[in-house]
N, C-alpha and C. Protein backbone atom coordinates (compact mmCIF):
# COMPACT_ATOMS: atom_id res chain seq x y z
N MET A 1 8.11 -11.33 -14.05
CA MET A 1 6.84 -10.61 -14.13
C MET A 1 5.82 -11.29 -13.23
N LYS A 2 5.02 -10.50 -12.54
CA LYS A 2 4.01 -11.03 -11.65
C LYS A 2 2.85 -11.61 -12.45
N MET A 3 2.32 -12.72 -11.95
CA MET A 3 1.19 -13.36 -12.60
C MET A 3 -0.07 -12.51 -12.40
N GLN A 4 -0.87 -12.35 -13.45
CA GLN A 4 -2.12 -11.63 -13.36
C GLN A 4 -3.27 -12.57 -13.69
N VAL A 5 -4.33 -12.48 -12.89
CA VAL A 5 -5.52 -13.29 -13.13
C VAL A 5 -6.75 -12.42 -12.92
N SER A 6 -7.84 -12.78 -13.57
CA SER A 6 -9.09 -12.05 -13.39
C SER A 6 -9.73 -12.46 -12.06
N LYS A 7 -10.69 -11.67 -11.60
CA LYS A 7 -11.39 -12.00 -10.36
C LYS A 7 -12.06 -13.36 -10.45
N SER A 8 -12.67 -13.66 -11.58
CA SER A 8 -13.37 -14.94 -11.73
C SER A 8 -12.38 -16.11 -11.70
N GLN A 9 -11.21 -15.96 -12.33
CA GLN A 9 -10.19 -17.01 -12.27
C GLN A 9 -9.68 -17.18 -10.84
N PHE A 10 -9.49 -16.05 -10.16
CA PHE A 10 -9.00 -16.10 -8.79
C PHE A 10 -10.00 -16.80 -7.88
N LYS A 11 -11.29 -16.46 -8.06
CA LYS A 11 -12.33 -17.07 -7.24
C LYS A 11 -12.34 -18.59 -7.39
N ALA A 12 -12.18 -19.04 -8.63
CA ALA A 12 -12.22 -20.48 -8.89
C ALA A 12 -11.00 -21.22 -8.36
N LYS A 13 -9.85 -20.55 -8.29
CA LYS A 13 -8.60 -21.23 -7.93
C LYS A 13 -7.85 -20.53 -6.81
N ALA A 14 -8.56 -19.88 -5.91
CA ALA A 14 -7.91 -19.09 -4.86
C ALA A 14 -6.95 -19.91 -4.01
N LEU A 15 -7.38 -21.07 -3.51
CA LEU A 15 -6.51 -21.87 -2.65
C LEU A 15 -5.26 -22.33 -3.39
N GLU A 16 -5.42 -22.70 -4.64
CA GLU A 16 -4.27 -23.10 -5.45
C GLU A 16 -3.29 -21.94 -5.62
N MET A 17 -3.82 -20.76 -5.85
CA MET A 17 -2.96 -19.58 -6.01
C MET A 17 -2.30 -19.19 -4.70
N PHE A 18 -3.01 -19.32 -3.57
CA PHE A 18 -2.40 -19.05 -2.27
C PHE A 18 -1.19 -19.96 -2.06
N ARG A 19 -1.36 -21.24 -2.36
CA ARG A 19 -0.26 -22.19 -2.20
C ARG A 19 0.92 -21.83 -3.10
N GLU A 20 0.63 -21.39 -4.32
CA GLU A 20 1.69 -21.01 -5.24
C GLU A 20 2.46 -19.78 -4.73
N VAL A 21 1.72 -18.81 -4.20
CA VAL A 21 2.36 -17.61 -3.64
C VAL A 21 3.25 -18.01 -2.46
N GLU A 22 2.74 -18.89 -1.61
CA GLU A 22 3.53 -19.36 -0.46
C GLU A 22 4.80 -20.09 -0.89
N SER A 23 4.67 -20.94 -1.90
CA SER A 23 5.81 -21.77 -2.28
C SER A 23 6.84 -21.02 -3.13
N THR A 24 6.38 -20.12 -4.00
CA THR A 24 7.32 -19.42 -4.89
C THR A 24 7.76 -18.08 -4.36
N GLY A 25 6.92 -17.46 -3.51
CA GLY A 25 7.23 -16.12 -3.03
C GLY A 25 6.86 -15.04 -4.02
N GLU A 26 6.30 -15.41 -5.16
CA GLU A 26 5.90 -14.45 -6.19
C GLU A 26 4.48 -13.95 -5.94
N SER A 27 4.24 -12.70 -6.23
CA SER A 27 2.93 -12.10 -6.05
C SER A 27 1.99 -12.47 -7.20
N VAL A 28 0.69 -12.37 -6.91
CA VAL A 28 -0.34 -12.54 -7.93
C VAL A 28 -1.18 -11.27 -7.94
N ILE A 29 -1.38 -10.70 -9.11
CA ILE A 29 -2.20 -9.51 -9.27
C ILE A 29 -3.58 -9.94 -9.74
N VAL A 30 -4.61 -9.54 -9.01
CA VAL A 30 -5.99 -9.85 -9.38
C VAL A 30 -6.55 -8.62 -10.09
N THR A 31 -7.14 -8.86 -11.27
CA THR A 31 -7.63 -7.76 -12.08
C THR A 31 -9.15 -7.75 -12.14
N ASP A 32 -9.71 -6.59 -12.41
CA ASP A 32 -11.14 -6.42 -12.64
C ASP A 32 -11.28 -5.69 -13.97
N HIS A 33 -11.80 -6.36 -14.95
CA HIS A 33 -11.93 -5.83 -16.31
C HIS A 33 -10.58 -5.35 -16.84
N GLY A 34 -9.53 -6.10 -16.55
CA GLY A 34 -8.20 -5.81 -17.06
C GLY A 34 -7.38 -4.83 -16.23
N SER A 35 -7.99 -4.21 -15.23
CA SER A 35 -7.26 -3.25 -14.38
C SER A 35 -6.86 -3.92 -13.07
N PRO A 36 -5.61 -3.79 -12.67
CA PRO A 36 -5.17 -4.38 -11.39
C PRO A 36 -5.94 -3.79 -10.22
N THR A 37 -6.44 -4.67 -9.33
CA THR A 37 -7.20 -4.20 -8.17
C THR A 37 -6.62 -4.68 -6.85
N ILE A 38 -6.06 -5.89 -6.84
CA ILE A 38 -5.57 -6.48 -5.60
C ILE A 38 -4.26 -7.20 -5.88
N GLU A 39 -3.34 -7.13 -4.93
CA GLU A 39 -2.10 -7.91 -5.02
C GLU A 39 -2.06 -8.89 -3.87
N VAL A 40 -1.89 -10.16 -4.18
CA VAL A 40 -1.73 -11.19 -3.16
C VAL A 40 -0.24 -11.51 -3.12
N ARG A 41 0.37 -11.31 -1.96
CA ARG A 41 1.80 -11.52 -1.85
C ARG A 41 2.11 -12.19 -0.52
N PRO A 42 3.29 -12.76 -0.39
CA PRO A 42 3.65 -13.41 0.87
C PRO A 42 3.69 -12.38 2.01
N TYR A 43 3.32 -12.82 3.18
CA TYR A 43 3.38 -11.97 4.36
C TYR A 43 4.84 -11.77 4.76
N ARG A 44 5.18 -10.54 5.07
CA ARG A 44 6.52 -10.23 5.56
C ARG A 44 6.39 -9.50 6.89
N LYS A 45 6.90 -10.11 7.93
CA LYS A 45 6.84 -9.51 9.25
C LYS A 45 7.67 -8.23 9.25
N MET A 46 7.09 -7.16 9.76
CA MET A 46 7.82 -5.89 9.82
C MET A 46 8.72 -5.91 11.04
N GLU A 47 9.99 -5.87 10.80
CA GLU A 47 10.96 -5.89 11.88
C GLU A 47 11.45 -4.48 12.20
N ARG A 48 10.97 -3.52 11.42
CA ARG A 48 11.40 -2.14 11.63
C ARG A 48 10.40 -1.42 12.54
N GLY A 49 10.91 -0.43 13.26
CA GLY A 49 10.06 0.37 14.11
C GLY A 49 9.28 1.38 13.29
N PRO A 50 8.29 2.01 13.90
CA PRO A 50 7.46 2.97 13.17
C PRO A 50 8.24 4.15 12.60
N LEU A 51 9.26 4.62 13.30
CA LEU A 51 10.05 5.74 12.78
C LEU A 51 10.88 5.31 11.57
N GLU A 52 11.38 4.08 11.59
CA GLU A 52 12.13 3.58 10.43
C GLU A 52 11.23 3.45 9.21
N VAL A 53 9.99 3.02 9.43
CA VAL A 53 9.04 2.87 8.33
C VAL A 53 8.76 4.24 7.70
N LEU A 54 8.65 5.28 8.52
CA LEU A 54 8.34 6.62 8.02
C LEU A 54 9.55 7.35 7.46
N LYS A 55 10.75 6.87 7.76
CA LYS A 55 11.97 7.54 7.31
C LYS A 55 11.97 7.68 5.79
N GLY A 56 12.22 8.90 5.31
CA GLY A 56 12.25 9.16 3.87
C GLY A 56 10.89 9.42 3.26
N SER A 57 9.84 9.46 4.08
CA SER A 57 8.50 9.64 3.53
C SER A 57 8.08 11.11 3.45
N VAL A 58 8.87 12.02 4.02
CA VAL A 58 8.54 13.44 3.94
C VAL A 58 8.83 13.94 2.53
N ILE A 59 7.83 14.51 1.90
CA ILE A 59 7.97 14.96 0.52
C ILE A 59 8.64 16.31 0.45
N GLU A 60 8.25 17.22 1.33
CA GLU A 60 8.82 18.56 1.30
C GLU A 60 9.03 19.05 2.72
N TYR A 61 10.20 19.59 2.97
CA TYR A 61 10.54 20.08 4.29
C TYR A 61 11.20 21.43 4.13
N SER A 62 10.41 22.43 3.75
CA SER A 62 10.99 23.75 3.50
C SER A 62 10.73 24.68 4.69
N ASN A 63 11.73 25.44 5.04
CA ASN A 63 11.68 26.43 6.12
C ASN A 63 11.18 25.86 7.44
N PRO A 64 11.83 24.83 7.96
CA PRO A 64 11.35 24.22 9.20
C PRO A 64 11.50 25.10 10.42
N THR A 65 12.31 26.16 10.33
CA THR A 65 12.52 27.01 11.49
C THR A 65 11.62 28.24 11.50
N ASN A 66 10.83 28.45 10.44
CA ASN A 66 9.90 29.58 10.41
C ASN A 66 8.80 29.37 11.45
N SER A 67 8.38 30.47 12.06
CA SER A 67 7.31 30.37 13.05
C SER A 67 5.97 30.13 12.35
N VAL A 68 5.07 29.53 13.09
CA VAL A 68 3.74 29.23 12.58
C VAL A 68 2.74 30.00 13.43
N GLY A 69 1.90 30.78 12.77
CA GLY A 69 0.88 31.54 13.49
C GLY A 69 -0.45 30.82 13.48
N GLU A 70 -1.38 31.33 14.29
CA GLU A 70 -2.69 30.70 14.38
C GLU A 70 -3.41 30.68 13.03
N ASP A 71 -3.19 31.69 12.19
CA ASP A 71 -3.86 31.76 10.90
C ASP A 71 -3.31 30.77 9.88
N ASP A 72 -2.17 30.14 10.18
CA ASP A 72 -1.56 29.19 9.26
C ASP A 72 -2.17 27.78 9.37
N TRP A 73 -3.00 27.54 10.36
CA TRP A 73 -3.58 26.22 10.58
C TRP A 73 -5.02 26.18 10.08
N GLU A 74 -5.39 25.06 9.45
CA GLU A 74 -6.78 24.87 9.06
C GLU A 74 -7.50 24.20 10.21
N SER A 75 -8.69 24.64 10.47
CA SER A 75 -9.49 24.02 11.50
C SER A 75 -10.53 23.13 10.84
N VAL A 76 -10.79 22.00 11.45
CA VAL A 76 -11.80 21.10 10.91
C VAL A 76 -13.15 21.80 10.90
N ASN A 77 -13.38 22.65 11.87
CA ASN A 77 -14.67 23.36 11.97
C ASN A 77 -14.81 24.46 10.92
N ASP A 78 -13.68 24.93 10.36
CA ASP A 78 -13.72 26.02 9.38
C ASP A 78 -14.10 25.53 7.98
N ARG A 79 -14.15 24.24 7.75
CA ARG A 79 -14.43 23.68 6.43
C ARG A 79 -15.94 23.58 6.21
N SER A 80 -16.56 24.65 5.92
CA SER A 80 -18.02 24.62 5.72
C SER A 80 -18.34 24.80 4.26
């Protein structure tokens, strides 16, 4: 289980917690009034390309071969 600390505890011991995250590899969740707000975790260099990162992120892909007309697009200027 990830360690959880309040913002005030984190502020008082931030450097100590950074060292712990670095040495253990475990994340620390910082909370505000009991609700998680920030996760401090070890840095992981992304070795994947942008297309690999996006792979599997499409939620719905229905009727990809249907034509799209001008009326099917929303214009930024039409949002009044």
